[in-house]
Structures are given as C-alpha cells and as structure tokens.
Amino acid sequence: MFGWPAEAVDVAHCTYLSLKLGDGIEGGIVEHDGEGSLWLPYVEVADLGDVIERARALGAVVVLEPREGPVGWRSILAVPSGARIALWQSKV
C-alpha cells in the first residue's frame, strides 16, 4: 500500500516482515496468535537494562524479559492500565 521495500526474515516461531522506511528508520510486521490486530510501538534505548529498572520502579511490569536477536535486544513493558511498549537496544 505504501510502497515500502520489504524482506521476509524467518525467526524462531514465525516470519517477520522487515520494512525499509528510510535511511535510519525501519519497521516491521510479525505474525501473532491472537485475534484482531496488535499495534506495538518500539522505542530505541541506549541501555535496555537501565530503562527496565526505571520502568519497574515506576510501576511497569516486564511482559517480555530482554531477548537477544540477530541485531539487538528487545523487551516489552506494560503499565497497570494494560498499555504496552517495546524497548529496543541495537547491537551496532
């Protein structure tokens, strides 16, 4: 629909569609088992562990503990109201 170049990447349990949106910005689409759509914003951070510690101190729950992938680490946080946000730390 938007004309973004895409590349399929096989990961542990599904296929991830990597989108090239510009020189330094990328996005992606991943399969999920639930019904309906799921939008999960990612924020790049310099130190994933530090941000997770501060988030916990502020009342967030770690839904996905830090997980390493081929190009970085990710984690997912949730606040008491249920909203979720993903954190990303690049290996580069």
N, C-alpha and C. Protein backbone atom coordinates (compact mmCIF):
# COMPACT_ATOMS: atom_id res chain seq x y z
N MET A 1 0.82 -1.18 0.00
CA MET A 1 0.00 0.00 0.00
C MET A 1 0.88 1.26 0.00
N PHE A 2 1.95 1.28 0.79
CA PHE A 2 2.80 2.46 0.89
C PHE A 2 4.03 2.40 0.00
N GLY A 3 4.30 1.24 -0.58
CA GLY A 3 5.45 1.10 -1.45
C GLY A 3 6.77 0.90 -0.71
N TRP A 4 6.72 0.49 0.56
CA TRP A 4 7.94 0.27 1.33
C TRP A 4 8.57 -1.06 0.92
N PRO A 5 9.87 -1.08 0.63
CA PRO A 5 10.53 -2.36 0.32
C PRO A 5 10.46 -3.27 1.55
N ALA A 6 10.19 -4.55 1.34
CA ALA A 6 10.03 -5.49 2.44
C ALA A 6 10.88 -6.73 2.21
N GLU A 7 11.32 -7.33 3.32
CA GLU A 7 12.10 -8.55 3.25
C GLU A 7 11.62 -9.49 4.35
N ALA A 8 11.29 -10.73 3.99
CA ALA A 8 10.84 -11.72 4.97
C ALA A 8 12.06 -12.29 5.71
N VAL A 9 11.96 -12.34 7.04
CA VAL A 9 13.03 -12.88 7.88
C VAL A 9 12.41 -13.97 8.75
N ASP A 10 12.92 -15.19 8.65
CA ASP A 10 12.43 -16.28 9.49
C ASP A 10 13.04 -16.18 10.87
N VAL A 11 12.19 -16.16 11.90
CA VAL A 11 12.64 -16.14 13.28
C VAL A 11 12.14 -17.41 13.95
N ALA A 12 12.42 -17.58 15.22
CA ALA A 12 12.17 -18.84 15.93
C ALA A 12 10.82 -19.49 15.64
N HIS A 13 9.72 -18.76 15.75
CA HIS A 13 8.41 -19.37 15.66
C HIS A 13 7.49 -18.75 14.63
N CYS A 14 8.00 -17.81 13.82
CA CYS A 14 7.14 -17.15 12.85
C CYS A 14 7.99 -16.45 11.80
N THR A 15 7.33 -15.73 10.93
CA THR A 15 8.03 -14.93 9.93
C THR A 15 7.85 -13.46 10.27
N TYR A 16 8.94 -12.71 10.20
CA TYR A 16 8.95 -11.28 10.46
C TYR A 16 9.17 -10.58 9.14
N LEU A 17 8.36 -9.61 8.81
CA LEU A 17 8.50 -8.86 7.58
C LEU A 17 9.18 -7.54 7.91
N SER A 18 10.44 -7.39 7.51
CA SER A 18 11.22 -6.19 7.78
C SER A 18 10.91 -5.15 6.71
N LEU A 19 10.59 -3.93 7.15
CA LEU A 19 10.25 -2.84 6.23
C LEU A 19 11.35 -1.79 6.22
N LYS A 20 11.75 -1.38 5.04
CA LYS A 20 12.75 -0.32 4.89
C LYS A 20 12.01 0.98 4.63
N LEU A 21 12.00 1.86 5.64
CA LEU A 21 11.21 3.09 5.54
C LEU A 21 12.04 4.31 5.21
N GLY A 22 13.34 4.24 5.36
CA GLY A 22 14.21 5.38 5.11
C GLY A 22 15.64 5.00 5.45
N ASP A 23 16.50 5.98 5.50
CA ASP A 23 17.91 5.71 5.76
C ASP A 23 18.15 5.14 7.16
N GLY A 24 17.49 5.67 8.17
CA GLY A 24 17.75 5.23 9.52
C GLY A 24 16.53 4.71 10.25
N ILE A 25 15.40 4.64 9.60
CA ILE A 25 14.17 4.23 10.26
C ILE A 25 13.67 2.96 9.59
N GLU A 26 13.37 1.95 10.41
CA GLU A 26 12.81 0.73 9.88
C GLU A 26 11.60 0.33 10.69
N GLY A 27 10.79 -0.51 10.13
CA GLY A 27 9.62 -1.01 10.81
C GLY A 27 9.49 -2.49 10.51
N GLY A 28 8.44 -3.09 11.03
CA GLY A 28 8.26 -4.50 10.76
C GLY A 28 6.87 -4.98 11.10
N ILE A 29 6.55 -6.12 10.57
CA ILE A 29 5.26 -6.76 10.81
C ILE A 29 5.56 -8.20 11.18
N VAL A 30 4.94 -8.67 12.26
CA VAL A 30 5.16 -10.04 12.71
C VAL A 30 3.80 -10.72 12.91
N GLU A 31 3.76 -12.01 12.69
CA GLU A 31 2.53 -12.78 12.93
C GLU A 31 2.28 -12.84 14.43
N HIS A 32 1.02 -12.92 14.83
CA HIS A 32 0.70 -13.17 16.23
C HIS A 32 -0.49 -14.11 16.30
N ASP A 33 -0.59 -14.83 17.42
CA ASP A 33 -1.59 -15.89 17.55
C ASP A 33 -2.98 -15.40 17.94
N GLY A 34 -3.09 -14.18 18.44
CA GLY A 34 -4.37 -13.68 18.91
C GLY A 34 -5.28 -13.24 17.78
N GLU A 35 -6.48 -12.89 18.14
CA GLU A 35 -7.44 -12.38 17.16
C GLU A 35 -7.29 -10.87 17.04
N GLY A 36 -7.63 -10.33 15.90
CA GLY A 36 -7.57 -8.89 15.69
C GLY A 36 -6.15 -8.41 15.49
N SER A 37 -6.01 -7.11 15.39
CA SER A 37 -4.70 -6.53 15.14
C SER A 37 -4.03 -6.15 16.46
N LEU A 38 -2.73 -6.07 16.43
CA LEU A 38 -1.94 -5.70 17.60
C LEU A 38 -0.91 -4.68 17.15
N TRP A 39 -0.97 -3.48 17.70
CA TRP A 39 0.00 -2.43 17.38
C TRP A 39 0.91 -2.28 18.58
N LEU A 40 2.20 -2.41 18.36
CA LEU A 40 3.17 -2.34 19.44
C LEU A 40 4.28 -1.38 19.04
N PRO A 41 4.27 -0.17 19.61
CA PRO A 41 5.34 0.78 19.28
C PRO A 41 6.66 0.36 19.93
N TYR A 42 7.75 0.58 19.23
CA TYR A 42 9.09 0.31 19.73
C TYR A 42 9.81 1.64 19.96
N VAL A 43 10.60 1.68 21.03
CA VAL A 43 11.44 2.84 21.34
C VAL A 43 12.87 2.34 21.47
N GLU A 44 13.79 2.95 20.73
CA GLU A 44 15.19 2.57 20.84
C GLU A 44 15.81 3.24 22.06
N VAL A 45 16.51 2.45 22.86
CA VAL A 45 17.15 2.95 24.08
C VAL A 45 18.63 2.60 24.05
N ALA A 46 19.43 3.36 24.79
CA ALA A 46 20.87 3.13 24.84
C ALA A 46 21.23 1.97 25.76
N ASP A 47 20.49 1.82 26.87
CA ASP A 47 20.79 0.77 27.85
C ASP A 47 19.49 0.12 28.29
N LEU A 48 19.18 -1.01 27.72
CA LEU A 48 17.91 -1.70 27.97
C LEU A 48 17.72 -2.03 29.44
N GLY A 49 18.75 -2.54 30.09
CA GLY A 49 18.65 -2.90 31.50
C GLY A 49 18.32 -1.72 32.39
N ASP A 50 18.96 -0.59 32.12
CA ASP A 50 18.71 0.62 32.92
C ASP A 50 17.27 1.10 32.76
N VAL A 51 16.78 1.11 31.54
CA VAL A 51 15.40 1.57 31.30
C VAL A 51 14.39 0.62 31.95
N ILE A 52 14.65 -0.68 31.90
CA ILE A 52 13.75 -1.64 32.53
C ILE A 52 13.71 -1.43 34.04
N GLU A 53 14.86 -1.21 34.66
CA GLU A 53 14.89 -0.95 36.10
C GLU A 53 14.08 0.30 36.46
N ARG A 54 14.25 1.37 35.70
CA ARG A 54 13.49 2.61 35.97
C ARG A 54 12.00 2.38 35.74
N ALA A 55 11.64 1.64 34.72
CA ALA A 55 10.22 1.36 34.44
C ALA A 55 9.59 0.57 35.57
N ARG A 56 10.29 -0.45 36.06
CA ARG A 56 9.78 -1.24 37.19
C ARG A 56 9.57 -0.34 38.41
N ALA A 57 10.51 0.55 38.66
CA ALA A 57 10.40 1.46 39.81
C ALA A 57 9.17 2.37 39.68
N LEU A 58 8.76 2.62 38.46
CA LEU A 58 7.59 3.48 38.20
C LEU A 58 6.29 2.68 38.11
N GLY A 59 6.36 1.36 38.30
CA GLY A 59 5.15 0.54 38.32
C GLY A 59 4.88 -0.30 37.09
N ALA A 60 5.78 -0.27 36.11
CA ALA A 60 5.59 -1.08 34.91
C ALA A 60 5.91 -2.54 35.21
N VAL A 61 5.32 -3.43 34.42
CA VAL A 61 5.56 -4.86 34.51
C VAL A 61 6.30 -5.28 33.24
N VAL A 62 7.31 -6.11 33.39
CA VAL A 62 8.03 -6.63 32.22
C VAL A 62 7.26 -7.83 31.69
N VAL A 63 6.66 -7.67 30.52
CA VAL A 63 5.88 -8.72 29.89
C VAL A 63 6.79 -9.69 29.14
N LEU A 64 7.85 -9.16 28.56
CA LEU A 64 8.85 -9.97 27.87
C LEU A 64 10.21 -9.54 28.39
N GLU A 65 10.88 -10.44 29.11
CA GLU A 65 12.24 -10.15 29.58
C GLU A 65 13.14 -9.92 28.38
N PRO A 66 14.24 -9.20 28.56
CA PRO A 66 15.12 -8.94 27.41
C PRO A 66 15.46 -10.21 26.65
N ARG A 67 15.32 -10.11 25.35
CA ARG A 67 15.57 -11.25 24.46
C ARG A 67 16.50 -10.78 23.34
N GLU A 68 17.55 -11.57 23.12
CA GLU A 68 18.52 -11.22 22.09
C GLU A 68 18.09 -11.75 20.74
N GLY A 69 18.26 -10.91 19.72
CA GLY A 69 18.02 -11.30 18.34
C GLY A 69 19.29 -11.08 17.54
N PRO A 70 19.24 -11.28 16.25
CA PRO A 70 20.44 -11.16 15.43
C PRO A 70 21.07 -9.76 15.44
N VAL A 71 20.27 -8.72 15.60
CA VAL A 71 20.81 -7.35 15.51
C VAL A 71 20.59 -6.51 16.76
N GLY A 72 20.04 -7.12 17.82
CA GLY A 72 19.83 -6.35 19.03
C GLY A 72 19.01 -7.10 20.06
N TRP A 73 18.64 -6.38 21.11
CA TRP A 73 17.84 -6.94 22.20
C TRP A 73 16.51 -6.20 22.27
N ARG A 74 15.46 -6.90 22.70
CA ARG A 74 14.16 -6.26 22.86
C ARG A 74 13.52 -6.73 24.15
N SER A 75 12.58 -5.94 24.62
CA SER A 75 11.81 -6.26 25.81
C SER A 75 10.47 -5.57 25.67
N ILE A 76 9.44 -6.07 26.36
CA ILE A 76 8.12 -5.44 26.30
C ILE A 76 7.68 -5.13 27.72
N LEU A 77 7.19 -3.91 27.91
CA LEU A 77 6.69 -3.44 29.20
C LEU A 77 5.20 -3.19 29.12
N ALA A 78 4.52 -3.31 30.27
CA ALA A 78 3.10 -2.97 30.37
C ALA A 78 2.88 -2.12 31.61
N VAL A 79 1.96 -1.19 31.51
CA VAL A 79 1.56 -0.38 32.66
C VAL A 79 0.28 -0.96 33.23
N PRO A 80 -0.10 -0.58 34.47
CA PRO A 80 -1.29 -1.17 35.09
C PRO A 80 -2.56 -1.09 34.24
N SER A 81 -2.69 -0.07 33.40
CA SER A 81 -3.89 0.03 32.57
C SER A 81 -3.88 -0.94 31.40
N GLY A 82 -2.74 -1.61 31.17
CA GLY A 82 -2.65 -2.60 30.11
C GLY A 82 -1.90 -2.15 28.87
N ALA A 83 -1.63 -0.87 28.74
CA ALA A 83 -0.90 -0.39 27.56
C ALA A 83 0.49 -1.00 27.54
N ARG A 84 0.98 -1.31 26.35
CA ARG A 84 2.29 -1.93 26.20
C ARG A 84 3.19 -1.10 25.30
N ILE A 85 4.49 -1.22 25.56
CA ILE A 85 5.50 -0.59 24.72
C ILE A 85 6.71 -1.51 24.68
N ALA A 86 7.34 -1.58 23.53
CA ALA A 86 8.53 -2.41 23.37
C ALA A 86 9.76 -1.52 23.40
N LEU A 87 10.81 -2.06 23.98
CA LEU A 87 12.09 -1.37 24.03
C LEU A 87 13.08 -2.11 23.14
N TRP A 88 13.95 -1.36 22.49
CA TRP A 88 14.90 -1.94 21.55
C TRP A 88 16.29 -1.35 21.83
N GLN A 89 17.30 -2.23 21.90
CA GLN A 89 18.70 -1.80 22.02
C GLN A 89 19.47 -2.48 20.90
N SER A 90 20.02 -1.69 19.99
CA SER A 90 20.75 -2.20 18.85
C SER A 90 22.12 -2.71 19.27
N LYS A 91 22.64 -3.71 18.54
CA LYS A 91 24.00 -4.18 18.77
C LYS A 91 25.03 -3.27 18.12
N VAL A 92 24.60 -2.45 17.22
CA VAL A 92 25.53 -1.57 16.49
C VAL A 92 25.72 -0.27 17.22
